[in-house]
Amino acid sequence: MGKKEFDSSYVGFMKDGAKWLVENTDIKLVGSDGSPTRCILN
């Protein structure tokens, strides 16, 4: 049932990207309207 390859339509932030966003914009919080329900296997 889990995917074996990354779904490129999934959107997210890496730690350094989130840090840049906080330090360089007025954005301090990002929300999501749902949570991922699938497991990505390596």
C-alpha atoms as a PDB file:
ATOM      1  CA  MET A   1       0.000   0.000   0.000  1.00  0.00           C
ATOM      2  CA  GLY A   2       2.942   2.367   0.590  1.00  0.00           C
ATOM      3  CA  LYS A   3       4.609   4.164  -2.293  1.00  0.00           C
ATOM      4  CA  LYS A   4       8.167   3.276  -3.217  1.00  0.00           C
ATOM      5  CA  GLU A   5       8.915   6.559  -4.966  1.00  0.00           C
ATOM      6  CA  PHE A   6       8.451  10.166  -3.920  1.00  0.00           C
ATOM      7  CA  ASP A   7       5.228  11.858  -5.027  1.00  0.00           C
ATOM      8  CA  SER A   8       6.540  15.096  -6.587  1.00  0.00           C
ATOM      9  CA  SER A   9       3.129  16.769  -6.226  1.00  0.00           C
ATOM     10  CA  TYR A  10       3.566  16.715  -2.427  1.00  0.00           C
ATOM     11  CA  VAL A  11       4.463  20.158  -1.075  1.00  0.00           C
ATOM     12  CA  GLY A  12       6.531  20.750   2.030  1.00  0.00           C
ATOM     13  CA  PHE A  13       9.416  22.702   3.559  1.00  0.00           C
ATOM     14  CA  MET A  14      12.917  21.607   4.419  1.00  0.00           C
ATOM     15  CA  LYS A  15      14.270  23.000   7.703  1.00  0.00           C
ATOM     16  CA  ASP A  16      16.560  25.525   5.980  1.00  0.00           C
ATOM     17  CA  GLY A  17      13.729  26.695   3.702  1.00  0.00           C
ATOM     18  CA  ALA A  18      11.383  27.239   6.649  1.00  0.00           C
ATOM     19  CA  LYS A  19      14.138  29.136   8.493  1.00  0.00           C
ATOM     20  CA  TRP A  20      14.717  31.370   5.467  1.00  0.00           C
ATOM     21  CA  LEU A  21      10.981  32.030   5.178  1.00  0.00           C
ATOM     22  CA  VAL A  22      10.776  33.166   8.827  1.00  0.00           C
ATOM     23  CA  GLU A  23      13.931  35.285   8.669  1.00  0.00           C
ATOM     24  CA  ASN A  24      13.261  36.971   5.296  1.00  0.00           C
ATOM     25  CA  THR A  25       9.485  37.480   5.139  1.00  0.00           C
ATOM     26  CA  ASP A  26       6.606  38.441   7.406  1.00  0.00           C
ATOM     27  CA  ILE A  27       5.385  34.815   7.327  1.00  0.00           C
ATOM     28  CA  LYS A  28       5.682  33.188  10.756  1.00  0.00           C
ATOM     29  CA  LEU A  29       3.210  30.295  10.473  1.00  0.00           C
ATOM     30  CA  VAL A  30       2.229  27.906   7.675  1.00  0.00           C
ATOM     31  CA  GLY A  31      -0.880  25.731   7.954  1.00  0.00           C
ATOM     32  CA  SER A  32      -2.130  22.666   6.161  1.00  0.00           C
ATOM     33  CA  ASP A  33      -5.679  21.594   5.387  1.00  0.00           C
ATOM     34  CA  GLY A  34      -4.901  17.911   5.708  1.00  0.00           C
ATOM     35  CA  SER A  35      -2.277  15.482   6.861  1.00  0.00           C
ATOM     36  CA  PRO A  36      -0.352  12.976   4.754  1.00  0.00           C
ATOM     37  CA  THR A  37      -1.773   9.489   5.078  1.00  0.00           C
ATOM     38  CA  ARG A  38       0.674   7.503   2.961  1.00  0.00           C
ATOM     39  CA  CYS A  39       4.017   6.066   3.920  1.00  0.00           C
ATOM     40  CA  ILE A  40       6.987   6.516   1.573  1.00  0.00           C
ATOM     41  CA  LEU A  41       9.350   3.561   1.723  1.00  0.00           C
ATOM     42  CA  ASN A  42      13.067   3.802   0.940  1.00  0.00           C
END
